[in-house]
């Protein structure tokens, strides 16, 4: 049960990071719908990053609520949403 709670925290953290990245990397000519895309991308990236962090840092005792999992989820979600916002901004 503890791992499912950690995965839920990763998802929420990814959505929050996506919304923060939306406000940090501003785009004045933005079309509607980017908030939804950023939320889904942030959640997906946080889950993938969290799994990688747990697999790399805590191979013997894999818990999703570990420091490595949380840190990797936050870093990967921030990186992916920043790359998305930067890429969309440069296309317009």
C-alpha atoms as a PDB file:
ATOM      1  CA  UNK A   1       0.000   0.000   0.000  1.00  0.00           C
ATOM      2  CA  UNK A   2       2.880   2.355   0.736  1.00  0.00           C
ATOM      3  CA  UNK A   3       4.151   2.125  -2.849  1.00  0.00           C
ATOM      4  CA  UNK A   4       0.763   3.106  -4.280  1.00  0.00           C
ATOM      5  CA  UNK A   5       0.670   6.168  -2.049  1.00  0.00           C
ATOM      6  CA  UNK A   6       4.137   7.128  -3.261  1.00  0.00           C
ATOM      7  CA  UNK A   7       3.099   6.744  -6.897  1.00  0.00           C
ATOM      8  CA  UNK A   8       0.073   8.943  -6.214  1.00  0.00           C
ATOM      9  CA  UNK A   9       2.381  11.542  -4.698  1.00  0.00           C
ATOM     10  CA  UNK A  10       4.582  11.363  -7.812  1.00  0.00           C
ATOM     11  CA  UNK A  11       1.546  12.019 -10.024  1.00  0.00           C
ATOM     12  CA  UNK A  12       0.382  15.000  -7.971  1.00  0.00           C
ATOM     13  CA  UNK A  13       3.928  16.346  -7.824  1.00  0.00           C
ATOM     14  CA  UNK A  14       4.229  16.050 -11.611  1.00  0.00           C
ATOM     15  CA  UNK A  15       0.981  17.959 -12.177  1.00  0.00           C
ATOM     16  CA  UNK A  16       2.084  20.720  -9.783  1.00  0.00           C
ATOM     17  CA  UNK A  17       5.508  20.959 -11.444  1.00  0.00           C
ATOM     18  CA  UNK A  18       3.828  21.163 -14.856  1.00  0.00           C
ATOM     19  CA  UNK A  19       1.661  24.072 -13.702  1.00  0.00           C
ATOM     20  CA  UNK A  20       4.676  25.820 -12.150  1.00  0.00           C
ATOM     21  CA  UNK A  21       6.570  25.400 -15.410  1.00  0.00           C
ATOM     22  CA  UNK A  22       3.578  26.888 -17.255  1.00  0.00           C
ATOM     23  CA  UNK A  23       3.898  30.063 -15.219  1.00  0.00           C
ATOM     24  CA  UNK A  24       7.718  30.180 -15.235  1.00  0.00           C
ATOM     25  CA  UNK A  25       8.189  29.735 -18.987  1.00  0.00           C
ATOM     26  CA  UNK A  26       5.573  32.149 -20.294  1.00  0.00           C
ATOM     27  CA  UNK A  27       4.247  32.109 -23.834  1.00  0.00           C
ATOM     28  CA  UNK A  28       2.024  35.027 -24.856  1.00  0.00           C
ATOM     29  CA  UNK A  29       0.754  33.406 -28.086  1.00  0.00           C
ATOM     30  CA  UNK A  30      -0.400  30.220 -26.366  1.00  0.00           C
ATOM     31  CA  UNK A  31      -3.454  28.356 -27.598  1.00  0.00           C
ATOM     32  CA  UNK A  32      -5.913  26.805 -25.117  1.00  0.00           C
ATOM     33  CA  UNK A  33      -5.214  23.289 -23.949  1.00  0.00           C
ATOM     34  CA  UNK A  34      -1.571  23.556 -22.953  1.00  0.00           C
ATOM     35  CA  UNK A  35      -2.392  23.317 -19.248  1.00  0.00           C
ATOM     36  CA  UNK A  36      -3.912  19.875 -19.756  1.00  0.00           C
ATOM     37  CA  UNK A  37      -0.977  18.708 -21.856  1.00  0.00           C
ATOM     38  CA  UNK A  38       1.508  20.008 -19.278  1.00  0.00           C
ATOM     39  CA  UNK A  39      -0.373  18.324 -16.422  1.00  0.00           C
ATOM     40  CA  UNK A  40      -0.440  14.949 -18.176  1.00  0.00           C
ATOM     41  CA  UNK A  41       3.175  15.262 -19.356  1.00  0.00           C
ATOM     42  CA  UNK A  42       4.326  16.266 -15.870  1.00  0.00           C
ATOM     43  CA  UNK A  43       2.488  13.355 -14.238  1.00  0.00           C
ATOM     44  CA  UNK A  44       3.832  10.860 -16.771  1.00  0.00           C
ATOM     45  CA  UNK A  45       7.381  12.176 -16.475  1.00  0.00           C
ATOM     46  CA  UNK A  46       7.206  12.100 -12.673  1.00  0.00           C
ATOM     47  CA  UNK A  47       6.151   8.446 -12.676  1.00  0.00           C
ATOM     48  CA  UNK A  48       8.920   7.476 -15.102  1.00  0.00           C
ATOM     49  CA  UNK A  49      11.502   9.539 -13.212  1.00  0.00           C
ATOM     50  CA  UNK A  50      10.374   8.128  -9.877  1.00  0.00           C
ATOM     51  CA  UNK A  51      10.704   4.573 -11.150  1.00  0.00           C
ATOM     52  CA  UNK A  52      14.179   5.312 -12.468  1.00  0.00           C
ATOM     53  CA  UNK A  53      15.179   6.952  -9.175  1.00  0.00           C
ATOM     54  CA  UNK A  54      13.958   4.038  -7.090  1.00  0.00           C
ATOM     55  CA  UNK A  55      15.623   1.561  -9.435  1.00  0.00           C
ATOM     56  CA  UNK A  56      18.951   3.359  -9.408  1.00  0.00           C
ATOM     57  CA  UNK A  57      19.226   4.565  -5.807  1.00  0.00           C
ATOM     58  CA  UNK A  58      17.281   1.921  -3.838  1.00  0.00           C
ATOM     59  CA  UNK A  59      17.707  -1.325  -5.728  1.00  0.00           C
ATOM     60  CA  UNK A  60      17.804  -3.549  -2.626  1.00  0.00           C
ATOM     61  CA  UNK A  61      14.731  -2.096  -0.878  1.00  0.00           C
ATOM     62  CA  UNK A  62      12.540  -0.408  -3.519  1.00  0.00           C
ATOM     63  CA  UNK A  63      10.093   2.011  -1.890  1.00  0.00           C
ATOM     64  CA  UNK A  64       8.437   4.771  -3.869  1.00  0.00           C
ATOM     65  CA  UNK A  65       8.413   7.088  -0.844  1.00  0.00           C
ATOM     66  CA  UNK A  66      12.213   7.112  -0.750  1.00  0.00           C
ATOM     67  CA  UNK A  67      14.330  10.215  -1.228  1.00  0.00           C
ATOM     68  CA  UNK A  68      15.805   8.970  -4.494  1.00  0.00           C
ATOM     69  CA  UNK A  69      12.378   8.290  -5.985  1.00  0.00           C
ATOM     70  CA  UNK A  70      10.938  11.651  -4.983  1.00  0.00           C
ATOM     71  CA  UNK A  71      13.991  13.599  -6.136  1.00  0.00           C
ATOM     72  CA  UNK A  72      14.199  11.815  -9.474  1.00  0.00           C
ATOM     73  CA  UNK A  73      10.453  12.286 -10.052  1.00  0.00           C
ATOM     74  CA  UNK A  74      10.714  16.018  -9.432  1.00  0.00           C
ATOM     75  CA  UNK A  75      13.826  16.482 -11.580  1.00  0.00           C
ATOM     76  CA  UNK A  76      12.527  14.431 -14.510  1.00  0.00           C
ATOM     77  CA  UNK A  77       9.098  16.107 -14.458  1.00  0.00           C
ATOM     78  CA  UNK A  78      10.696  19.554 -14.363  1.00  0.00           C
ATOM     79  CA  UNK A  79      13.070  18.667 -17.189  1.00  0.00           C
ATOM     80  CA  UNK A  80      10.398  17.218 -19.463  1.00  0.00           C
ATOM     81  CA  UNK A  81       7.904  20.026 -18.959  1.00  0.00           C
ATOM     82  CA  UNK A  82      10.646  22.633 -19.451  1.00  0.00           C
ATOM     83  CA  UNK A  83      11.735  20.975 -22.689  1.00  0.00           C
ATOM     84  CA  UNK A  84       8.110  20.903 -23.866  1.00  0.00           C
ATOM     85  CA  UNK A  85       7.509  24.580 -23.001  1.00  0.00           C
ATOM     86  CA  UNK A  86      10.827  25.644 -24.509  1.00  0.00           C
ATOM     87  CA  UNK A  87      10.174  23.640 -27.686  1.00  0.00           C
ATOM     88  CA  UNK A  88       6.650  24.980 -28.169  1.00  0.00           C
ATOM     89  CA  UNK A  89       7.846  28.519 -27.483  1.00  0.00           C
ATOM     90  CA  UNK A  90      10.577  28.255 -30.103  1.00  0.00           C
ATOM     91  CA  UNK A  91       8.164  26.867 -32.720  1.00  0.00           C
ATOM     92  CA  UNK A  92       5.805  29.848 -32.479  1.00  0.00           C
END
